[in-house]
Amino acid sequence: MGDIRVKLRRTAAVLFGAALAVVTFVTPVGAQSAQTGSSTTYQINARHDGNLVDAGVGAPPLSRKWSRDLGGDVSYPVVAGGRVFVTAASQDGYGTVLHALDADTGENVWEPVDLGGTYWWSALAYGGGRLYAQNPDGVLTAFHPATGAVLWTVTLPDQWSFTSPPTFLGGVVYTGGAGSGGTLYAVNAADGTVRWTRPVQNGDNSSPAVTANGVYVSYACSRTYAFEPASGGPVWDRRTDCSGGGGRTPVVADGGVWTRDGSGDAPSVLNVADGKVRGTYPANGWSPAPAFDGRQGYFVDDGVMQERHSRTLASRWTFQGDGRISTAPIVVNGYVYVGSLSGQLWALNGATGQPVWSTDVGAPINEPDEHNVSQPLTGLGAGGGLVVVPATNLLVAYGQ
């Protein structure tokens, strides 16, 4: 039988001014559905594929809704439940501060919370009606998102250096730690008890990418693991001929685990089922994570963005911008958003690469630093009708 492909259509009514428009989002069969309506961790969702469907975000151009100066480098946002959550580097020495903002106004929903910790790294996740914040000393805390009340807190055991953002899926928070070897953790989101741990090589800088069938982490020299989510049982382990410290957050998209490596190995896509290399693509291993919309992948390398087909890895278009593109891209309703060290934000037509809107955010949009702890991990986010941009000390929200 031939390769028959059909398309699923999701239709949403979107209000633009006084006119009611019907917007149809098209998803290829076989592709994983985009996250709907909220950003819950680094690169939007538990797969880290940067893809969001939100009927409240109309087609660009967008307008600035609000801007906040939070006094220190700002993390990627979690956008959920009518609120925007970020952390910012403390102005008073080590540590970071957790901010909860009203998505409509940018005003504080509850008073900022000092997360403490050594250095200036921290990271967030959301799910199960809770917000989760992790500091670099391995203190993981669950907050009530409406009030800021602490629901539980746990200091993760056995390690002392934490640089892997947490990921929530199915009632579990997954994260990693390093210091003496490395450890992958699965934490019960309801009460903070550690369900299971597994040893990994290094444990640095790799936010777990999680699906119903696997937990994927990737470290130096492309050492990549897959574990069973409920038990932590090993599924596969991809080894190479070198070893070292550090890691990069993997992306799960179109049946592949997309890995990057700062040691010099070419970025690779591995089969989800067995970890075998499906292909490699030309890019610097220090480049930010790619984003995907079905079988269209968007990759930033050396200040330029390029589209590639997720199976053939052939490229149809390249966007130069100002040559200083810095962020991991995200895709919202088929439009690709990406920012620059110059402070420029673009929205591109994902199919053609044509820019349809750009704006000056007002400060440099820093690249995600997946190697150091001198600032919170940063990145773009969206949800609740907004595209949210951390730009150095600023947090800026755009919408209709």
Protein backbone atom coordinates (compact mmCIF):
# COMPACT_ATOMS: atom_id res chain seq x y z
CA MET A 1 0.00 0.00 0.00
CA GLY A 2 1.26 3.49 -0.79
CA ASP A 3 2.23 6.02 1.87
CA ILE A 4 -1.13 7.69 2.51
CA ARG A 5 -0.97 10.92 4.45
CA VAL A 6 -3.95 12.86 5.72
CA LYS A 7 -4.23 15.94 7.87
CA LEU A 8 -6.04 16.59 11.10
CA ARG A 9 -7.62 20.00 11.45
CA ARG A 10 -8.34 21.86 14.65
CA THR A 11 -10.53 24.92 14.35
CA ALA A 12 -10.70 27.72 16.91
CA ALA A 13 -12.68 30.94 16.99
CA VAL A 14 -10.42 33.92 17.60
CA LEU A 15 -11.65 37.42 18.34
CA PHE A 16 -9.73 40.21 16.60
CA GLY A 17 -11.19 43.55 17.57
CA ALA A 18 -14.84 43.43 16.58
CA ALA A 19 -14.43 40.65 14.02
CA LEU A 20 -14.66 36.94 14.73
CA ALA A 21 -12.18 34.94 12.65
CA VAL A 22 -11.94 31.19 12.31
CA VAL A 23 -8.37 29.93 12.45
CA THR A 24 -7.50 26.40 11.35
CA PHE A 25 -4.32 24.72 12.56
CA VAL A 26 -3.10 21.77 10.49
CA THR A 27 -1.12 18.89 12.02
CA PRO A 28 0.30 16.03 9.93
CA VAL A 29 -0.80 12.58 11.01
CA GLY A 30 2.05 10.87 12.83
CA ALA A 31 3.41 14.13 14.18
CA GLN A 32 3.07 14.77 17.89
CA SER A 33 0.46 17.37 18.74
CA ALA A 34 1.73 20.76 19.77
CA GLN A 35 1.31 21.90 23.33
CA THR A 36 -1.94 23.84 23.68
CA GLY A 37 -2.24 27.19 25.38
CA SER A 38 0.64 27.23 27.87
CA SER A 39 4.41 26.98 28.27
CA THR A 40 5.18 24.52 31.05
CA THR A 41 8.97 24.17 30.97
CA TYR A 42 12.05 25.06 28.93
CA GLN A 43 11.22 25.18 25.20
CA ILE A 44 7.48 25.15 25.84
CA ASN A 45 6.71 21.51 26.69
CA ALA A 46 7.99 18.22 28.05
CA ARG A 47 9.39 17.21 24.64
CA HIS A 48 11.22 20.58 24.37
CA ASP A 49 10.15 20.87 20.73
CA GLY A 50 9.21 24.54 21.07
CA ASN A 51 5.76 24.10 19.49
CA LEU A 52 2.59 25.74 20.81
CA VAL A 53 -0.96 26.10 19.54
CA ASP A 54 -2.76 29.02 21.19
CA ALA A 55 -5.92 30.42 19.60
CA GLY A 56 -5.45 33.57 21.67
CA VAL A 57 -2.25 34.48 19.82
CA GLY A 58 -3.36 35.93 16.51
CA ALA A 59 -1.30 36.18 13.37
CA PRO A 60 1.48 38.77 13.69
CA PRO A 61 1.98 41.70 13.82
CA LEU A 62 1.64 41.74 17.60
CA SER A 63 1.70 44.70 19.94
CA ARG A 64 3.55 45.22 23.20
CA LYS A 65 1.21 44.49 26.12
CA TRP A 66 3.59 45.15 29.01
CA SER A 67 7.25 45.20 30.02
CA ARG A 68 8.96 44.65 33.39
CA ASP A 69 12.53 45.33 34.48
CA LEU A 70 13.26 42.57 37.01
CA GLY A 71 16.72 43.81 37.94
CA GLY A 72 18.75 40.81 36.81
CA ASP A 73 19.08 38.35 33.92
CA VAL A 74 15.69 36.71 33.36
CA SER A 75 14.93 33.02 32.80
CA TYR A 76 12.66 31.39 30.25
CA PRO A 77 9.02 31.96 31.21
CA VAL A 78 6.41 29.48 32.32
CA VAL A 79 3.05 30.76 31.07
CA ALA A 80 -0.04 29.05 32.49
CA GLY A 81 -3.31 29.75 34.26
CA GLY A 82 -3.35 33.45 33.42
CA ARG A 83 0.09 33.99 34.95
CA VAL A 84 3.68 34.34 33.79
CA PHE A 85 6.40 32.90 36.04
CA VAL A 86 10.13 33.61 35.68
CA THR A 87 13.23 33.77 37.83
CA ALA A 88 15.79 36.57 37.74
CA ALA A 89 19.35 36.78 39.01
CA SER A 90 19.52 38.38 42.45
CA GLN A 91 20.83 41.92 42.76
CA ASP A 92 22.21 41.12 46.23
CA GLY A 93 24.82 38.45 45.64
CA TYR A 94 24.23 34.80 44.76
CA GLY A 95 20.78 33.38 44.18
CA THR A 96 17.71 34.06 42.09
CA VAL A 97 14.26 35.51 42.71
CA LEU A 98 10.99 33.92 41.59
CA HIS A 99 8.42 36.31 40.09
CA ALA A 100 4.72 35.58 39.50
CA LEU A 101 3.08 38.10 37.16
CA ASP A 102 -0.44 38.66 35.92
CA ALA A 103 -0.49 37.74 32.23
CA ASP A 104 -2.82 40.63 31.36
CA THR A 105 -0.98 43.43 33.16
CA GLY A 106 2.50 42.21 34.10
CA GLU A 107 1.86 43.20 37.72
CA ASN A 108 2.88 40.97 40.64
CA VAL A 109 0.36 38.27 41.53
CA TRP A 110 2.24 37.53 44.74
CA GLU A 111 5.40 38.89 46.30
CA PRO A 112 8.73 37.76 44.78
CA VAL A 113 10.36 34.77 46.48
CA ASP A 114 14.10 34.42 47.10
CA LEU A 115 15.06 30.93 45.90
CA GLY A 116 18.56 31.15 47.38
CA GLY A 117 21.30 28.87 46.16
CA THR A 118 24.87 29.14 45.00
CA TYR A 119 25.44 31.16 41.83
CA TRP A 120 22.61 32.61 39.68
CA TRP A 121 21.04 29.58 38.02
CA SER A 122 17.47 28.40 38.53
CA ALA A 123 14.70 26.85 36.46
CA LEU A 124 10.94 26.28 36.47
CA ALA A 125 8.28 23.77 35.42
CA TYR A 126 4.50 23.64 35.75
CA GLY A 127 1.92 20.87 35.93
CA GLY A 128 -0.63 19.16 38.12
CA GLY A 129 -1.80 22.53 39.43
CA ARG A 130 1.63 23.38 40.84
CA LEU A 131 4.65 25.49 39.94
CA TYR A 132 8.06 23.86 40.52
CA ALA A 133 11.27 25.85 41.08
CA GLN A 134 14.75 24.35 41.33
CA ASN A 135 17.92 26.11 42.48
CA PRO A 136 21.55 25.07 41.77
CA ASP A 137 21.92 23.36 45.15
CA GLY A 138 19.20 20.83 44.33
CA VAL A 139 16.40 22.41 46.36
CA LEU A 140 13.17 21.65 44.47
CA THR A 141 10.07 23.47 45.71
CA ALA A 142 6.41 23.25 44.71
CA PHE A 143 4.35 26.44 44.95
CA HIS A 144 0.63 27.12 44.72
CA PRO A 145 0.52 29.17 41.51
CA ALA A 146 -2.28 31.49 42.65
CA THR A 147 -0.94 32.36 46.11
CA GLY A 148 2.76 31.49 46.21
CA ALA A 149 2.20 29.20 49.19
CA VAL A 150 4.88 26.51 49.52
CA LEU A 151 3.28 23.09 49.09
CA TRP A 152 6.44 21.04 49.62
CA THR A 153 10.18 21.29 49.31
CA VAL A 154 12.88 18.63 48.93
CA THR A 155 16.66 18.70 48.71
CA LEU A 156 17.56 16.13 46.09
CA PRO A 157 20.05 13.57 47.45
CA ASP A 158 23.57 12.48 46.48
CA GLN A 159 24.60 15.42 44.26
CA TRP A 160 25.60 19.04 44.84
CA SER A 161 25.46 20.75 41.41
CA PHE A 162 22.15 21.18 39.59
CA THR A 163 21.91 22.76 36.13
CA SER A 164 19.21 20.67 34.42
CA PRO A 165 15.78 22.34 34.31
CA PRO A 166 12.91 20.22 35.65
CA THR A 167 10.23 18.72 33.41
CA PHE A 168 6.70 17.71 34.48
CA LEU A 169 4.65 14.95 32.92
CA GLY A 170 2.06 12.55 34.30
CA GLY A 171 2.31 13.54 37.94
CA VAL A 172 6.11 13.35 38.04
CA VAL A 173 8.86 15.99 38.00
CA TYR A 174 12.03 14.79 36.26
CA THR A 175 15.39 16.51 36.69
CA GLY A 176 19.12 15.83 36.90
CA GLY A 177 22.03 16.52 39.22
CA ALA A 178 25.82 16.30 39.11
CA GLY A 179 28.89 16.63 41.32
CA SER A 180 29.87 13.02 41.94
CA GLY A 181 29.01 11.29 38.69
CA GLY A 182 25.44 12.13 37.75
CA THR A 183 21.90 11.29 38.78
CA LEU A 184 18.52 11.40 37.04
CA TYR A 185 15.60 11.94 39.44
CA ALA A 186 11.88 11.23 39.24
CA VAL A 187 10.00 13.14 41.96
CA ASN A 188 6.35 12.67 42.93
CA ALA A 189 4.73 16.00 42.02
CA ALA A 190 2.06 15.61 44.70
CA ASP A 191 4.32 15.44 47.77
CA GLY A 192 7.99 15.76 46.72
CA THR A 193 9.04 12.19 47.48
CA VAL A 194 11.72 10.78 45.19
CA ARG A 195 10.19 7.87 43.25
CA TRP A 196 13.40 6.65 41.65
CA THR A 197 16.94 7.68 40.72
CA ARG A 198 19.28 6.39 38.03
CA PRO A 199 23.01 6.97 37.55
CA VAL A 200 24.03 8.82 34.39
CA GLN A 201 27.29 10.15 33.03
CA ASN A 202 27.65 13.71 34.39
CA GLY A 203 24.04 14.88 34.90
CA ASP A 204 24.76 18.47 33.80
CA ASN A 205 22.74 20.86 31.65
CA SER A 206 20.23 18.38 30.21
CA SER A 207 16.58 19.01 30.97
CA PRO A 208 14.86 15.63 30.57
CA ALA A 209 12.71 15.36 27.45
CA VAL A 210 9.74 13.25 28.47
CA THR A 211 7.00 11.39 26.61
CA ALA A 212 4.58 8.70 27.74
CA ASN A 213 7.15 6.11 26.66
CA GLY A 214 10.52 7.55 27.60
CA VAL A 215 12.69 9.95 29.58
CA TYR A 216 15.61 11.17 27.46
CA VAL A 217 18.77 12.96 28.62
CA SER A 218 21.96 13.77 26.70
CA TYR A 219 25.43 14.64 27.97
CA ALA A 220 28.96 15.31 26.74
CA CYS A 221 30.24 13.34 23.76
CA SER A 222 26.62 12.65 22.76
CA ARG A 223 26.15 10.14 25.60
CA THR A 224 22.37 9.80 25.49
CA TYR A 225 20.03 7.70 27.62
CA ALA A 226 16.41 6.59 27.45
CA PHE A 227 14.59 5.38 30.58
CA GLU A 228 11.10 4.04 31.24
CA PRO A 229 9.11 6.89 32.89
CA ALA A 230 7.28 4.94 35.61
CA SER A 231 10.10 2.71 36.87
CA GLY A 232 13.29 4.30 35.54
CA GLY A 233 14.20 1.03 33.86
CA PRO A 234 16.82 1.44 31.11
CA VAL A 235 15.51 1.41 27.53
CA TRP A 236 18.73 2.20 25.65
CA ASP A 237 22.08 3.91 26.16
CA ARG A 238 24.04 5.46 23.31
CA ARG A 239 27.80 5.50 24.00
CA THR A 240 30.63 7.08 22.02
CA ASP A 241 34.42 6.89 22.17
CA CYS A 242 34.98 9.95 24.37
CA SER A 243 33.87 11.24 27.74
CA GLY A 244 33.61 14.62 29.43
CA GLY A 245 31.48 16.97 31.47
CA GLY A 246 28.46 18.97 30.51
CA GLY A 247 25.39 18.24 28.43
CA ARG A 248 22.62 19.70 26.28
CA THR A 249 18.84 19.47 26.50
CA PRO A 250 17.54 16.96 23.92
CA VAL A 251 14.44 17.50 21.80
CA VAL A 252 11.97 14.74 20.94
CA ALA A 253 10.25 15.27 17.58
CA ASP A 254 9.03 13.13 14.68
CA GLY A 255 10.24 9.84 16.14
CA GLY A 256 13.70 11.17 16.88
CA VAL A 257 15.77 12.39 19.81
CA TRP A 258 17.67 15.45 18.60
CA THR A 259 20.98 15.92 20.42
CA ARG A 260 23.74 18.53 20.39
CA ASP A 261 27.22 18.28 21.83
CA GLY A 262 29.88 20.86 22.64
CA SER A 263 32.77 18.37 22.38
CA GLY A 264 32.87 18.48 18.59
CA ASP A 265 30.57 15.63 17.55
CA ALA A 266 28.07 16.59 14.87
CA PRO A 267 24.54 17.18 16.18
CA SER A 268 22.57 13.99 15.67
CA VAL A 269 19.04 12.63 15.51
CA LEU A 270 18.58 9.24 17.19
CA ASN A 271 15.71 6.81 16.79
CA VAL A 272 13.41 7.10 19.80
CA ALA A 273 12.93 3.33 19.91
CA ASP A 274 16.54 2.14 20.00
CA GLY A 275 18.93 5.14 20.08
CA LYS A 276 20.52 4.33 16.72
CA VAL A 277 21.74 7.33 14.71
CA ARG A 278 19.18 8.32 12.07
CA GLY A 279 21.27 11.17 10.75
CA THR A 280 23.50 14.14 11.51
CA TYR A 281 23.18 17.74 10.45
CA PRO A 282 25.76 20.51 10.04
CA ALA A 283 25.72 22.81 13.04
CA ASN A 284 27.86 23.93 15.92
CA GLY A 285 27.30 21.70 18.95
CA TRP A 286 26.93 24.85 21.04
CA SER A 287 23.92 26.00 19.03
CA PRO A 288 20.57 26.36 20.83
CA ALA A 289 17.89 23.67 20.71
CA PRO A 290 15.91 23.33 17.47
CA ALA A 291 12.12 23.70 17.30
CA PHE A 292 9.72 21.59 15.22
CA ASP A 293 6.33 21.89 13.58
CA GLY A 294 5.41 18.48 12.21
CA ARG A 295 8.31 17.56 9.94
CA GLN A 296 9.64 21.09 9.65
CA GLY A 297 12.60 21.76 11.91
CA TYR A 298 14.06 25.16 12.69
CA PHE A 299 17.75 25.37 13.62
CA VAL A 300 19.86 28.34 14.75
CA ASP A 301 23.58 28.14 14.11
CA ASP A 302 26.22 30.90 14.10
CA GLY A 303 23.62 33.66 14.23
CA VAL A 304 21.49 32.37 11.33
CA MET A 305 18.28 30.27 11.26
CA GLN A 306 17.67 27.46 8.79
CA GLU A 307 14.68 25.25 8.11
CA ARG A 308 15.29 21.51 7.61
CA HIS A 309 13.01 18.56 6.87
CA SER A 310 13.11 16.25 9.88
CA ARG A 311 13.57 13.10 7.77
CA THR A 312 15.71 14.14 4.80
CA LEU A 313 17.45 17.00 6.69
CA ALA A 314 17.29 18.97 3.43
CA SER A 315 16.93 22.73 3.82
CA ARG A 316 14.42 24.83 1.92
CA TRP A 317 15.17 28.26 3.33
CA THR A 318 17.59 30.25 5.47
CA PHE A 319 16.89 33.43 7.43
CA GLN A 320 19.90 35.65 8.05
CA GLY A 321 18.21 38.33 10.16
CA ASP A 322 20.97 40.61 11.43
CA GLY A 323 23.43 37.73 11.66
CA ARG A 324 23.17 37.73 15.46
CA ILE A 325 20.20 35.44 16.06
CA SER A 326 20.68 34.09 19.55
CA THR A 327 17.61 32.31 20.89
CA ALA A 328 16.26 28.85 20.50
CA PRO A 329 13.30 29.31 18.14
CA ILE A 330 9.71 28.62 19.12
CA VAL A 331 6.70 27.98 16.85
CA VAL A 332 3.30 29.47 17.71
CA ASN A 333 0.39 28.62 15.40
CA GLY A 334 2.82 27.97 12.55
CA TYR A 335 4.80 31.20 12.96
CA VAL A 336 8.43 30.92 14.04
CA TYR A 337 9.64 33.44 16.64
CA VAL A 338 13.34 34.06 17.19
CA GLY A 339 15.38 36.82 18.84
CA SER A 340 18.76 38.48 18.43
CA LEU A 341 21.56 39.81 20.58
CA SER A 342 20.70 43.20 19.08
CA GLY A 343 17.30 43.07 20.81
CA GLN A 344 15.35 42.35 17.63
CA LEU A 345 12.45 39.88 17.68
CA TRP A 346 11.14 38.37 14.43
CA ALA A 347 8.10 36.35 13.44
CA LEU A 348 8.54 34.27 10.27
CA ASN A 349 6.18 32.28 8.12
CA GLY A 350 7.22 28.76 9.04
CA ALA A 351 6.61 27.38 5.56
CA THR A 352 8.50 30.02 3.56
CA GLY A 353 10.88 31.72 6.02
CA GLN A 354 9.53 35.13 5.06
CA PRO A 355 9.57 37.63 7.95
CA VAL A 356 6.06 38.92 8.64
CA TRP A 357 6.82 41.11 11.66
CA SER A 358 9.73 42.38 13.74
CA THR A 359 10.18 44.66 16.72
CA ASP A 360 12.91 46.05 18.97
CA VAL A 361 12.39 44.53 22.41
CA GLY A 362 14.57 47.16 24.08
CA ALA A 363 17.52 45.08 25.34
CA PRO A 364 19.76 42.25 24.10
CA ILE A 365 18.01 38.89 23.93
CA ASN A 366 20.66 36.61 25.36
CA GLU A 367 21.41 33.14 24.06
CA PRO A 368 20.57 30.22 26.35
CA ASP A 369 23.73 29.41 28.30
CA GLU A 370 23.73 25.62 28.70
CA HIS A 371 27.23 25.51 30.11
CA ASN A 372 27.53 28.01 32.99
CA VAL A 373 25.61 29.00 36.11
CA SER A 374 26.20 32.74 35.79
CA GLN A 375 22.53 33.36 34.93
CA PRO A 376 19.19 31.53 34.82
CA LEU A 377 18.64 29.54 31.64
CA THR A 378 16.77 31.85 29.28
CA GLY A 379 14.48 31.34 26.29
CA LEU A 380 11.26 32.44 24.64
CA GLY A 381 7.81 31.38 25.82
CA ALA A 382 4.17 31.77 24.87
CA GLY A 383 0.65 31.03 26.04
CA GLY A 384 -2.53 32.68 27.22
CA GLY A 385 -2.58 34.90 24.15
CA LEU A 386 1.00 36.11 24.63
CA VAL A 387 4.48 35.70 23.23
CA VAL A 388 6.84 36.38 26.15
CA VAL A 389 10.44 37.50 25.65
CA PRO A 390 13.20 37.67 28.30
CA ALA A 391 15.70 40.30 27.17
CA THR A 392 18.55 40.59 29.69
CA ASN A 393 16.81 42.27 32.70
CA LEU A 394 13.54 42.87 30.85
CA LEU A 395 10.52 40.62 30.47
CA VAL A 396 8.32 41.80 27.59
CA ALA A 397 4.93 40.40 26.55
CA TYR A 398 3.38 40.75 23.10
CA GLY A 399 -0.16 39.91 21.96
CA GLN A 400 -3.21 41.12 20.08
